[in-house]
């Protein structure tokens, strides 16, 4: 009898600890599910203010962590059409068209070169700066040559190309969405972003 007496308190202790851990796990799972619903509602409200061609989804960051930081982490997809509309509005180049090519973005722009109108490819870089995605032109491809955008814009006197070289920001104006990462994809542009939950 003396051998079995110490085992009972040990078993009770193990059962008590297992019960507490199990209860915490259940609360964590329930909390995660409820918080994902809250975050999805917040995303839906924010997405209603974005232009057409922009899709928003919650990323894989645990909802409990997002609650702790007060920031919902998002993945934003931007179609080439939405990029085209933003670039056209910013540069007054109504014929400009943004297309994805080999994991990068190219703006095809008709320009008057040597007395004729030619379509040139303007290679765009994308970066997250100051809470916005910035599309910036860096190189023009034309007739087998690659030239810096700023040099071509100065030589031809095309101020719209200067605007592309300076950068087009997305989203424009005031926004609750802060862009933290940006990369070109075969489908357009993929952005990582945060939005305040409260």
N, C-alpha and C. Protein backbone atom coordinates (compact mmCIF):
# COMPACT_ATOMS: atom_id res chain seq x y z
N UNK A 1 0.81 -1.20 0.00
CA UNK A 1 0.00 0.00 0.00
C UNK A 1 0.84 1.26 0.00
N UNK A 2 1.96 1.16 0.56
CA UNK A 2 2.81 2.34 0.59
C UNK A 2 3.32 2.72 -0.79
N UNK A 3 3.45 1.76 -1.72
CA UNK A 3 3.92 2.07 -3.07
C UNK A 3 2.85 2.76 -3.90
N UNK A 4 1.57 2.40 -3.72
CA UNK A 4 0.51 2.99 -4.53
C UNK A 4 0.11 4.38 -4.08
N UNK A 5 0.36 4.74 -2.85
CA UNK A 5 -0.04 6.04 -2.31
C UNK A 5 0.62 7.20 -3.05
N UNK A 6 1.95 7.19 -3.36
CA UNK A 6 2.53 8.32 -4.08
C UNK A 6 2.07 8.42 -5.52
N UNK A 7 1.64 7.32 -6.14
CA UNK A 7 1.25 7.35 -7.55
C UNK A 7 -0.07 8.10 -7.77
N UNK A 8 -0.99 8.00 -6.85
CA UNK A 8 -2.30 8.66 -7.03
C UNK A 8 -2.18 10.18 -7.13
N UNK A 9 -1.44 10.83 -6.26
CA UNK A 9 -1.30 12.28 -6.43
C UNK A 9 -0.59 12.63 -7.73
N UNK A 10 0.35 11.83 -8.16
CA UNK A 10 1.06 12.08 -9.40
C UNK A 10 0.09 11.95 -10.58
N UNK A 11 -0.77 10.93 -10.57
CA UNK A 11 -1.75 10.76 -11.65
C UNK A 11 -2.74 11.93 -11.67
N UNK A 12 -3.17 12.33 -10.51
CA UNK A 12 -4.10 13.47 -10.45
C UNK A 12 -3.44 14.73 -11.01
N UNK A 13 -2.20 14.92 -10.67
CA UNK A 13 -1.45 16.08 -11.17
C UNK A 13 -1.35 16.04 -12.69
N UNK A 14 -1.01 14.86 -13.24
CA UNK A 14 -0.90 14.71 -14.70
C UNK A 14 -2.24 14.95 -15.37
N UNK A 15 -3.31 14.40 -14.80
CA UNK A 15 -4.66 14.60 -15.37
C UNK A 15 -5.04 16.07 -15.31
N UNK A 16 -4.74 16.74 -14.21
CA UNK A 16 -5.07 18.17 -14.07
C UNK A 16 -4.31 19.00 -15.10
N UNK A 17 -3.02 18.73 -15.28
CA UNK A 17 -2.23 19.48 -16.26
C UNK A 17 -2.72 19.21 -17.66
N UNK A 18 -3.02 17.94 -17.98
CA UNK A 18 -3.54 17.59 -19.31
C UNK A 18 -4.87 18.27 -19.57
N UNK A 19 -5.73 18.35 -18.56
CA UNK A 19 -7.03 19.02 -18.72
C UNK A 19 -6.87 20.50 -19.00
N UNK A 20 -5.95 21.13 -18.26
CA UNK A 20 -5.71 22.58 -18.47
C UNK A 20 -5.15 22.82 -19.87
N UNK A 21 -4.17 22.01 -20.28
CA UNK A 21 -3.58 22.17 -21.61
C UNK A 21 -4.63 21.94 -22.69
N UNK A 22 -5.45 20.88 -22.53
CA UNK A 22 -6.51 20.60 -23.50
C UNK A 22 -7.51 21.75 -23.58
N UNK A 23 -7.89 22.29 -22.41
CA UNK A 23 -8.81 23.42 -22.40
C UNK A 23 -8.24 24.64 -23.10
N UNK A 24 -6.95 24.92 -22.88
CA UNK A 24 -6.31 26.05 -23.55
C UNK A 24 -6.25 25.84 -25.07
N UNK A 25 -5.98 24.61 -25.48
CA UNK A 25 -5.96 24.33 -26.92
C UNK A 25 -7.32 24.55 -27.55
N UNK A 26 -8.37 24.08 -26.88
CA UNK A 26 -9.74 24.27 -27.40
C UNK A 26 -10.06 25.76 -27.47
N UNK A 27 -9.72 26.51 -26.41
CA UNK A 27 -9.96 27.96 -26.43
C UNK A 27 -9.17 28.64 -27.54
N UNK A 28 -7.92 28.20 -27.75
CA UNK A 28 -7.11 28.77 -28.83
C UNK A 28 -7.71 28.53 -30.20
N UNK A 29 -8.20 27.31 -30.44
CA UNK A 29 -8.81 26.99 -31.74
C UNK A 29 -10.09 27.78 -31.94
N UNK A 30 -10.93 27.83 -30.92
CA UNK A 30 -12.19 28.59 -31.03
C UNK A 30 -11.88 30.07 -31.24
N UNK A 31 -10.93 30.60 -30.46
CA UNK A 31 -10.54 32.00 -30.63
C UNK A 31 -10.01 32.29 -32.02
N UNK A 32 -9.20 31.38 -32.57
CA UNK A 32 -8.65 31.54 -33.92
C UNK A 32 -9.77 31.62 -34.96
N UNK A 33 -10.75 30.72 -34.84
CA UNK A 33 -11.86 30.69 -35.81
C UNK A 33 -12.69 31.97 -35.71
N UNK A 34 -13.02 32.39 -34.49
CA UNK A 34 -13.81 33.61 -34.30
C UNK A 34 -13.06 34.82 -34.83
N UNK A 35 -11.77 34.92 -34.50
CA UNK A 35 -10.98 36.07 -34.95
C UNK A 35 -10.82 36.10 -36.46
N UNK A 36 -10.70 34.94 -37.10
CA UNK A 36 -10.63 34.93 -38.56
C UNK A 36 -11.89 35.53 -39.17
N UNK A 37 -13.04 35.25 -38.57
CA UNK A 37 -14.28 35.87 -39.05
C UNK A 37 -14.26 37.38 -38.90
N UNK A 38 -13.75 37.87 -37.76
CA UNK A 38 -13.65 39.32 -37.52
C UNK A 38 -12.70 39.95 -38.54
N UNK A 39 -11.57 39.30 -38.76
CA UNK A 39 -10.58 39.82 -39.72
C UNK A 39 -11.16 39.81 -41.13
N UNK A 40 -11.86 38.75 -41.50
CA UNK A 40 -12.47 38.69 -42.83
C UNK A 40 -13.49 39.80 -43.03
N UNK A 41 -14.26 40.13 -41.98
CA UNK A 41 -15.21 41.25 -42.07
C UNK A 41 -14.47 42.57 -42.26
N UNK A 42 -13.38 42.75 -41.55
CA UNK A 42 -12.58 43.98 -41.68
C UNK A 42 -11.98 44.10 -43.08
N UNK A 43 -11.51 42.97 -43.60
CA UNK A 43 -10.96 42.95 -44.96
C UNK A 43 -12.03 43.31 -45.97
N UNK A 44 -13.22 42.76 -45.81
CA UNK A 44 -14.32 43.04 -46.74
C UNK A 44 -14.66 44.53 -46.74
N UNK A 45 -14.68 45.16 -45.55
CA UNK A 45 -14.97 46.60 -45.47
C UNK A 45 -13.89 47.42 -46.17
N UNK A 46 -12.63 47.03 -45.97
CA UNK A 46 -11.52 47.75 -46.59
C UNK A 46 -11.50 47.55 -48.10
N UNK A 47 -11.78 46.32 -48.55
CA UNK A 47 -11.74 46.00 -49.98
C UNK A 47 -12.78 46.77 -50.77
N UNK A 48 -13.87 47.17 -50.12
CA UNK A 48 -14.92 47.90 -50.84
C UNK A 48 -14.43 49.26 -51.32
N UNK A 49 -13.35 49.79 -50.73
CA UNK A 49 -12.80 51.09 -51.13
C UNK A 49 -11.74 50.99 -52.21
N UNK A 50 -11.37 49.77 -52.60
CA UNK A 50 -10.31 49.59 -53.59
C UNK A 50 -10.89 49.57 -55.00
N UNK A 51 -10.08 49.94 -55.99
CA UNK A 51 -10.58 49.98 -57.37
C UNK A 51 -10.83 48.58 -57.94
N UNK A 52 -11.60 48.49 -59.04
CA UNK A 52 -11.83 47.20 -59.69
C UNK A 52 -10.51 46.56 -60.13
N UNK A 53 -10.46 45.24 -60.12
CA UNK A 53 -9.26 44.54 -60.53
C UNK A 53 -8.31 44.26 -59.39
N UNK A 54 -8.75 44.58 -58.17
CA UNK A 54 -7.92 44.35 -56.99
C UNK A 54 -8.62 43.31 -56.12
N UNK A 55 -7.93 42.22 -55.81
CA UNK A 55 -8.48 41.19 -54.94
C UNK A 55 -7.72 41.19 -53.62
N UNK A 56 -8.44 40.95 -52.52
CA UNK A 56 -7.84 40.99 -51.20
C UNK A 56 -8.19 39.70 -50.47
N UNK A 57 -7.20 39.10 -49.81
CA UNK A 57 -7.42 37.90 -49.01
C UNK A 57 -6.54 37.95 -47.77
N UNK A 58 -7.00 37.32 -46.70
CA UNK A 58 -6.21 37.21 -45.47
C UNK A 58 -5.05 36.25 -45.75
N UNK A 59 -3.88 36.55 -45.25
CA UNK A 59 -2.76 35.63 -45.45
C UNK A 59 -2.77 34.56 -44.35
N UNK A 60 -1.73 33.76 -44.28
CA UNK A 60 -1.71 32.61 -43.38
C UNK A 60 -1.23 32.94 -41.97
N UNK A 61 -1.00 34.20 -41.66
CA UNK A 61 -0.58 34.57 -40.32
C UNK A 61 -1.71 34.24 -39.33
N UNK A 62 -1.40 33.57 -38.21
CA UNK A 62 -2.46 33.22 -37.25
C UNK A 62 -3.24 34.46 -36.79
N UNK A 63 -4.55 34.30 -36.69
CA UNK A 63 -5.42 35.41 -36.31
C UNK A 63 -5.11 35.90 -34.90
N UNK A 64 -4.73 34.99 -34.00
CA UNK A 64 -4.40 35.41 -32.64
C UNK A 64 -3.19 36.35 -32.63
N UNK A 65 -2.21 36.10 -33.49
CA UNK A 65 -1.05 36.98 -33.61
C UNK A 65 -1.47 38.33 -34.19
N UNK A 66 -2.36 38.29 -35.17
CA UNK A 66 -2.84 39.54 -35.77
C UNK A 66 -3.60 40.37 -34.73
N UNK A 67 -4.37 39.70 -33.88
CA UNK A 67 -5.07 40.40 -32.80
C UNK A 67 -4.06 41.04 -31.85
N UNK A 68 -3.02 40.28 -31.50
CA UNK A 68 -2.02 40.80 -30.58
C UNK A 68 -1.31 42.03 -31.14
N UNK A 69 -1.04 42.05 -32.45
CA UNK A 69 -0.35 43.19 -33.07
C UNK A 69 -1.30 44.30 -33.50
N UNK A 70 -2.60 44.00 -33.57
CA UNK A 70 -3.59 44.99 -34.00
C UNK A 70 -3.59 45.24 -35.49
N UNK A 71 -2.92 44.37 -36.26
CA UNK A 71 -2.82 44.52 -37.71
C UNK A 71 -3.27 43.24 -38.40
N UNK A 72 -4.20 43.35 -39.33
CA UNK A 72 -4.56 42.21 -40.18
C UNK A 72 -3.61 42.19 -41.36
N UNK A 73 -3.03 41.03 -41.62
CA UNK A 73 -2.05 40.89 -42.71
C UNK A 73 -2.77 40.36 -43.94
N UNK A 74 -2.58 41.03 -45.07
CA UNK A 74 -3.32 40.74 -46.29
C UNK A 74 -2.41 40.37 -47.45
N UNK A 75 -3.00 39.68 -48.42
CA UNK A 75 -2.39 39.48 -49.73
C UNK A 75 -3.31 40.19 -50.73
N UNK A 76 -2.73 41.06 -51.52
CA UNK A 76 -3.51 41.82 -52.50
C UNK A 76 -3.01 41.49 -53.89
N UNK A 77 -3.93 41.12 -54.76
CA UNK A 77 -3.59 40.89 -56.16
C UNK A 77 -4.11 42.03 -57.00
N UNK A 78 -3.29 42.54 -57.90
CA UNK A 78 -3.68 43.65 -58.77
C UNK A 78 -3.51 43.18 -60.21
N UNK A 79 -4.59 43.22 -60.97
CA UNK A 79 -4.56 42.76 -62.35
C UNK A 79 -3.84 43.77 -63.24
N UNK A 80 -3.34 43.32 -64.40
CA UNK A 80 -2.72 44.27 -65.33
C UNK A 80 -3.68 45.39 -65.75
N UNK A 81 -4.98 45.08 -65.82
CA UNK A 81 -5.96 46.11 -66.20
C UNK A 81 -6.01 47.22 -65.16
N UNK A 82 -6.01 46.84 -63.87
CA UNK A 82 -6.03 47.84 -62.80
C UNK A 82 -4.75 48.66 -62.81
N UNK A 83 -3.61 48.01 -63.05
CA UNK A 83 -2.35 48.74 -63.16
C UNK A 83 -2.36 49.70 -64.34
N UNK A 84 -2.91 49.23 -65.46
CA UNK A 84 -3.02 50.07 -66.66
C UNK A 84 -3.85 51.31 -66.37
N UNK A 85 -5.01 51.14 -65.72
CA UNK A 85 -5.88 52.28 -65.42
C UNK A 85 -5.19 53.28 -64.49
N UNK A 86 -4.47 52.77 -63.49
CA UNK A 86 -3.77 53.66 -62.56
C UNK A 86 -2.66 54.43 -63.29
N UNK A 87 -1.88 53.73 -64.12
CA UNK A 87 -0.78 54.38 -64.85
C UNK A 87 -1.31 55.38 -65.87
N UNK A 88 -2.40 55.05 -66.55
CA UNK A 88 -2.98 55.99 -67.52
C UNK A 88 -3.44 57.26 -66.84
N UNK A 89 -4.12 57.11 -65.71
CA UNK A 89 -4.62 58.29 -64.99
C UNK A 89 -3.47 59.15 -64.48
N UNK A 90 -2.39 58.53 -64.04
CA UNK A 90 -1.26 59.29 -63.46
C UNK A 90 -0.41 59.97 -64.52
N UNK A 91 -0.37 59.42 -65.73
CA UNK A 91 0.56 59.94 -66.74
C UNK A 91 -0.10 60.63 -67.92
N UNK A 92 -1.41 60.58 -68.05
CA UNK A 92 -2.12 61.12 -69.22
C UNK A 92 -1.63 60.47 -70.51
N UNK A 93 -1.32 59.18 -70.46
CA UNK A 93 -0.98 58.41 -71.66
C UNK A 93 -2.12 57.42 -71.89
N UNK A 94 -3.15 57.84 -72.65
CA UNK A 94 -4.34 56.99 -72.79
C UNK A 94 -4.11 55.67 -73.51
N UNK A 95 -3.03 55.56 -74.26
CA UNK A 95 -2.75 54.33 -75.00
C UNK A 95 -1.81 53.39 -74.25
N UNK A 96 -1.31 53.82 -73.10
CA UNK A 96 -0.40 52.99 -72.32
C UNK A 96 -1.10 51.71 -71.88
N UNK A 97 -0.37 50.59 -71.90
CA UNK A 97 -0.91 49.32 -71.42
C UNK A 97 0.16 48.57 -70.66
N UNK A 98 -0.18 48.13 -69.44
CA UNK A 98 0.75 47.38 -68.59
C UNK A 98 0.47 45.90 -68.76
N UNK A 99 1.52 45.13 -69.03
CA UNK A 99 1.39 43.68 -69.16
C UNK A 99 2.50 42.99 -68.37
N UNK A 100 2.19 41.80 -67.82
CA UNK A 100 3.26 41.03 -67.17
C UNK A 100 4.04 40.27 -68.23
N UNK A 101 5.36 40.25 -68.08
CA UNK A 101 6.24 39.50 -69.00
C UNK A 101 7.39 38.92 -68.21
N UNK A 102 7.49 37.60 -68.20
CA UNK A 102 8.60 36.89 -67.56
C UNK A 102 8.86 37.35 -66.13
N UNK A 103 7.80 37.45 -65.34
CA UNK A 103 7.95 37.82 -63.94
C UNK A 103 8.23 39.28 -63.68
N UNK A 104 8.10 40.12 -64.69
CA UNK A 104 8.25 41.57 -64.50
C UNK A 104 7.08 42.26 -65.20
N UNK A 105 7.03 43.56 -65.08
CA UNK A 105 5.95 44.34 -65.70
C UNK A 105 6.53 45.23 -66.78
N UNK A 106 5.78 45.33 -67.89
CA UNK A 106 6.19 46.14 -69.02
C UNK A 106 5.03 47.04 -69.41
N UNK A 107 5.31 48.33 -69.55
CA UNK A 107 4.32 49.28 -70.06
C UNK A 107 4.60 49.48 -71.54
N UNK A 108 3.62 49.18 -72.36
CA UNK A 108 3.76 49.42 -73.80
C UNK A 108 3.14 50.78 -74.09
N UNK A 109 3.97 51.65 -74.64
CA UNK A 109 3.58 53.04 -74.82
C UNK A 109 3.86 53.47 -76.26
N UNK A 110 2.84 53.99 -76.97
CA UNK A 110 3.11 54.54 -78.30
C UNK A 110 3.73 55.94 -78.17
N UNK A 111 4.87 56.14 -78.84
CA UNK A 111 5.57 57.42 -78.79
C UNK A 111 5.91 57.87 -80.20
N UNK A 112 5.94 59.19 -80.39
CA UNK A 112 6.38 59.76 -81.66
C UNK A 112 7.90 59.79 -81.67
N UNK A 113 8.50 58.92 -82.49
CA UNK A 113 9.96 58.83 -82.58
C UNK A 113 10.36 59.00 -84.04
N UNK A 114 11.16 60.01 -84.31
CA UNK A 114 11.64 60.24 -85.68
C UNK A 114 10.51 60.50 -86.67
N UNK A 115 9.45 61.17 -86.24
CA UNK A 115 8.37 61.52 -87.15
C UNK A 115 7.31 60.44 -87.31
N UNK A 116 7.51 59.27 -86.75
CA UNK A 116 6.50 58.20 -86.81
C UNK A 116 6.15 57.76 -85.40
N UNK A 117 4.97 57.18 -85.28
CA UNK A 117 4.56 56.67 -83.98
C UNK A 117 4.99 55.22 -83.85
N UNK A 118 5.72 54.95 -82.80
CA UNK A 118 6.23 53.60 -82.53
C UNK A 118 5.81 53.19 -81.12
N UNK A 119 5.52 51.92 -80.94
CA UNK A 119 5.23 51.41 -79.60
C UNK A 119 6.53 50.92 -78.98
N UNK A 120 6.85 51.46 -77.81
CA UNK A 120 8.06 51.08 -77.11
C UNK A 120 7.68 50.33 -75.84
N UNK A 121 8.59 49.48 -75.38
CA UNK A 121 8.39 48.76 -74.13
C UNK A 121 9.16 49.49 -73.03
N UNK A 122 8.44 49.84 -71.99
CA UNK A 122 9.04 50.50 -70.83
C UNK A 122 9.04 49.48 -69.69
N UNK A 123 10.24 49.08 -69.27
CA UNK A 123 10.35 48.11 -68.18
C UNK A 123 10.07 48.80 -66.85
N UNK A 124 9.19 48.19 -66.06
CA UNK A 124 8.79 48.78 -64.78
C UNK A 124 9.35 47.97 -63.62
N UNK A 125 9.81 48.66 -62.62
CA UNK A 125 10.17 48.01 -61.36
C UNK A 125 9.06 48.34 -60.36
N UNK A 126 8.92 47.51 -59.36
CA UNK A 126 7.89 47.75 -58.35
C UNK A 126 8.52 47.59 -56.98
N UNK A 127 8.14 48.48 -56.06
CA UNK A 127 8.68 48.44 -54.70
C UNK A 127 7.63 48.96 -53.73
N UNK A 128 7.76 48.56 -52.47
CA UNK A 128 6.91 49.10 -51.41
C UNK A 128 7.67 50.26 -50.76
N UNK A 129 7.07 51.45 -50.81
CA UNK A 129 7.71 52.64 -50.26
C UNK A 129 6.68 53.47 -49.51
N UNK A 130 6.94 53.74 -48.25
CA UNK A 130 6.06 54.60 -47.47
C UNK A 130 4.63 54.12 -47.39
N UNK A 131 4.42 52.81 -47.33
CA UNK A 131 3.07 52.27 -47.24
C UNK A 131 2.33 52.18 -48.55
N UNK A 132 3.00 52.44 -49.66
CA UNK A 132 2.39 52.36 -50.99
C UNK A 132 3.25 51.49 -51.89
N UNK A 133 2.63 50.93 -52.91
CA UNK A 133 3.38 50.27 -53.97
C UNK A 133 3.72 51.33 -55.00
N UNK A 134 4.95 51.33 -55.48
CA UNK A 134 5.38 52.32 -56.45
C UNK A 134 5.87 51.60 -57.70
N UNK A 135 5.20 51.89 -58.84
CA UNK A 135 5.65 51.43 -60.14
C UNK A 135 6.55 52.50 -60.72
N UNK A 136 7.74 52.10 -61.11
CA UNK A 136 8.69 53.09 -61.61
C UNK A 136 9.33 52.57 -62.88
N UNK A 137 9.37 53.42 -63.91
CA UNK A 137 10.01 53.06 -65.17
C UNK A 137 11.51 53.24 -65.05
N UNK A 138 12.26 52.25 -65.54
CA UNK A 138 13.71 52.43 -65.48
C UNK A 138 14.38 52.27 -66.84
N UNK A 139 13.82 51.48 -67.75
CA UNK A 139 14.47 51.24 -69.04
C UNK A 139 13.43 51.22 -70.15
N UNK A 140 13.81 51.77 -71.31
CA UNK A 140 12.97 51.71 -72.50
C UNK A 140 13.65 50.81 -73.52
N UNK A 141 12.88 49.86 -74.07
CA UNK A 141 13.41 49.01 -75.14
C UNK A 141 12.75 49.45 -76.45
N UNK A 142 13.63 49.76 -77.41
CA UNK A 142 13.12 50.23 -78.70
C UNK A 142 14.14 49.89 -79.78
N UNK A 143 13.68 49.24 -80.83
CA UNK A 143 14.52 48.90 -81.99
C UNK A 143 15.80 48.19 -81.57
N UNK A 144 15.68 47.27 -80.62
CA UNK A 144 16.84 46.50 -80.19
C UNK A 144 17.75 47.21 -79.21
N UNK A 145 17.41 48.42 -78.82
CA UNK A 145 18.22 49.18 -77.87
C UNK A 145 17.52 49.26 -76.52
N UNK A 146 18.29 49.35 -75.46
CA UNK A 146 17.76 49.61 -74.12
C UNK A 146 18.34 50.92 -73.65
N UNK A 147 17.46 51.87 -73.34
CA UNK A 147 17.88 53.22 -72.93
C UNK A 147 17.27 53.57 -71.58
N UNK A 148 17.96 54.38 -70.77
CA UNK A 148 17.35 54.87 -69.53
C UNK A 148 16.14 55.75 -69.85
N UNK A 149 15.07 55.56 -69.10
CA UNK A 149 13.84 56.32 -69.34
C UNK A 149 14.08 57.81 -69.25
N UNK A 150 14.80 58.25 -68.23
CA UNK A 150 15.01 59.69 -68.03
C UNK A 150 15.73 60.31 -69.23
N UNK A 151 16.72 59.61 -69.79
CA UNK A 151 17.46 60.15 -70.94
C UNK A 151 16.56 60.26 -72.15
N UNK A 152 15.73 59.24 -72.41
CA UNK A 152 14.82 59.28 -73.56
C UNK A 152 13.75 60.36 -73.37
N UNK A 153 13.23 60.49 -72.17
CA UNK A 153 12.21 61.50 -71.90
C UNK A 153 12.76 62.90 -72.13
N UNK A 154 13.99 63.15 -71.68
CA UNK A 154 14.60 64.46 -71.89
C UNK A 154 14.87 64.71 -73.37
N UNK A 155 15.36 63.71 -74.07
CA UNK A 155 15.70 63.87 -75.48
C UNK A 155 14.45 64.12 -76.33
N UNK A 156 13.38 63.40 -76.04
CA UNK A 156 12.15 63.55 -76.83
C UNK A 156 11.21 64.60 -76.26
N UNK A 157 11.50 65.08 -75.05
CA UNK A 157 10.63 66.09 -74.43
C UNK A 157 9.27 65.54 -74.03
N UNK A 158 9.23 64.30 -73.57
CA UNK A 158 7.96 63.66 -73.21
C UNK A 158 7.85 63.65 -71.69
N UNK A 159 7.03 64.56 -71.17
CA UNK A 159 6.91 64.70 -69.71
C UNK A 159 6.22 63.48 -69.08
N UNK A 160 5.35 62.80 -69.85
CA UNK A 160 4.67 61.63 -69.30
C UNK A 160 5.65 60.53 -68.93
N UNK A 161 6.71 60.38 -69.72
CA UNK A 161 7.73 59.39 -69.38
C UNK A 161 8.46 59.79 -68.10
N UNK A 162 8.66 61.10 -67.92
CA UNK A 162 9.25 61.56 -66.66
C UNK A 162 8.38 61.16 -65.48
N UNK A 163 7.05 61.25 -65.65
CA UNK A 163 6.15 60.85 -64.57
C UNK A 163 6.30 59.37 -64.26
N UNK A 164 6.45 58.54 -65.30
CA UNK A 164 6.68 57.11 -65.07
C UNK A 164 8.02 56.87 -64.39
N UNK A 165 9.02 57.65 -64.76
CA UNK A 165 10.33 57.51 -64.13
C UNK A 165 10.28 57.91 -62.66
N UNK A 166 9.50 58.96 -62.34
CA UNK A 166 9.35 59.38 -60.94
C UNK A 166 8.59 58.36 -60.13
N UNK A 167 7.65 57.64 -60.75
CA UNK A 167 6.90 56.58 -60.07
C UNK A 167 5.42 56.88 -59.97
N UNK A 168 4.64 55.82 -60.13
CA UNK A 168 3.18 55.87 -59.98
C UNK A 168 2.85 55.08 -58.72
N UNK A 169 2.15 55.71 -57.78
CA UNK A 169 1.85 55.05 -56.51
C UNK A 169 0.50 54.37 -56.55
N UNK A 170 0.38 53.28 -55.79
CA UNK A 170 -0.86 52.52 -55.69
C UNK A 170 -0.98 52.00 -54.27
N UNK A 171 -2.08 52.13 -53.58
CA UNK A 171 -3.26 52.91 -53.94
C UNK A 171 -2.99 54.39 -53.79
N UNK A 172 -3.77 55.17 -54.53
CA UNK A 172 -3.62 56.61 -54.51
C UNK A 172 -4.38 57.21 -53.34
N UNK A 173 -3.98 58.38 -52.90
CA UNK A 173 -4.70 59.11 -51.87
C UNK A 173 -4.62 58.44 -50.51
N UNK A 174 -5.55 58.83 -49.64
CA UNK A 174 -5.59 58.27 -48.29
C UNK A 174 -6.10 56.85 -48.34
N UNK A 175 -5.48 55.99 -47.57
CA UNK A 175 -5.90 54.59 -47.53
C UNK A 175 -5.60 54.00 -46.17
N UNK A 176 -6.45 53.08 -45.73
CA UNK A 176 -6.22 52.38 -44.47
C UNK A 176 -5.24 51.24 -44.65
N UNK A 177 -4.91 50.93 -45.90
CA UNK A 177 -4.04 49.82 -46.23
C UNK A 177 -2.60 50.31 -46.34
N UNK A 178 -1.67 49.65 -45.63
CA UNK A 178 -0.25 49.98 -45.72
C UNK A 178 0.46 48.84 -46.45
N UNK A 179 1.04 49.13 -47.60
CA UNK A 179 1.73 48.12 -48.41
C UNK A 179 3.10 47.86 -47.79
N UNK A 180 3.41 46.59 -47.55
CA UNK A 180 4.70 46.24 -46.94
C UNK A 180 5.63 45.50 -47.90
N UNK A 181 5.08 44.90 -48.95
CA UNK A 181 5.92 44.21 -49.94
C UNK A 181 5.21 44.25 -51.29
N UNK A 182 5.98 44.17 -52.36
CA UNK A 182 5.41 44.22 -53.71
C UNK A 182 6.30 43.43 -54.65
N UNK A 183 5.66 42.62 -55.50
CA UNK A 183 6.42 41.90 -56.51
C UNK A 183 5.55 41.64 -57.73
N UNK A 184 6.19 41.67 -58.89
CA UNK A 184 5.50 41.39 -60.14
C UNK A 184 5.34 39.88 -60.28
N UNK A 185 4.19 39.46 -60.82
CA UNK A 185 3.93 38.05 -61.07
C UNK A 185 3.39 37.91 -62.48
N UNK A 186 3.14 36.68 -62.89
CA UNK A 186 2.56 36.44 -64.22
C UNK A 186 1.13 36.95 -64.30
N UNK A 187 0.49 37.17 -63.14
CA UNK A 187 -0.90 37.65 -63.11
C UNK A 187 -1.01 39.14 -62.85
N UNK A 188 0.10 39.84 -62.77
CA UNK A 188 0.06 41.27 -62.51
C UNK A 188 0.99 41.65 -61.37
N UNK A 189 0.39 42.00 -60.25
CA UNK A 189 1.17 42.48 -59.11
C UNK A 189 0.64 41.81 -57.85
N UNK A 190 1.54 41.36 -56.99
CA UNK A 190 1.15 40.78 -55.70
C UNK A 190 1.73 41.64 -54.60
N UNK A 191 0.85 42.07 -53.71
CA UNK A 191 1.25 42.97 -52.63
C UNK A 191 1.01 42.30 -51.28
N UNK A 192 1.90 42.54 -50.34
CA UNK A 192 1.68 42.20 -48.95
C UNK A 192 1.30 43.49 -48.25
N UNK A 193 0.29 43.44 -47.38
CA UNK A 193 -0.19 44.68 -46.77
C UNK A 193 -0.71 44.42 -45.37
N UNK A 194 -0.80 45.48 -44.60
CA UNK A 194 -1.41 45.44 -43.28
C UNK A 194 -2.50 46.49 -43.21
N UNK A 195 -3.55 46.16 -42.46
CA UNK A 195 -4.61 47.12 -42.21
C UNK A 195 -4.93 47.05 -40.72
N UNK A 196 -5.13 48.21 -40.10
CA UNK A 196 -5.43 48.25 -38.66
C UNK A 196 -6.77 47.57 -38.41
N UNK A 197 -6.80 46.71 -37.40
CA UNK A 197 -8.03 45.97 -37.10
C UNK A 197 -9.04 46.80 -36.33
N UNK A 198 -8.58 47.77 -35.57
CA UNK A 198 -9.50 48.53 -34.73
C UNK A 198 -9.44 50.00 -35.06
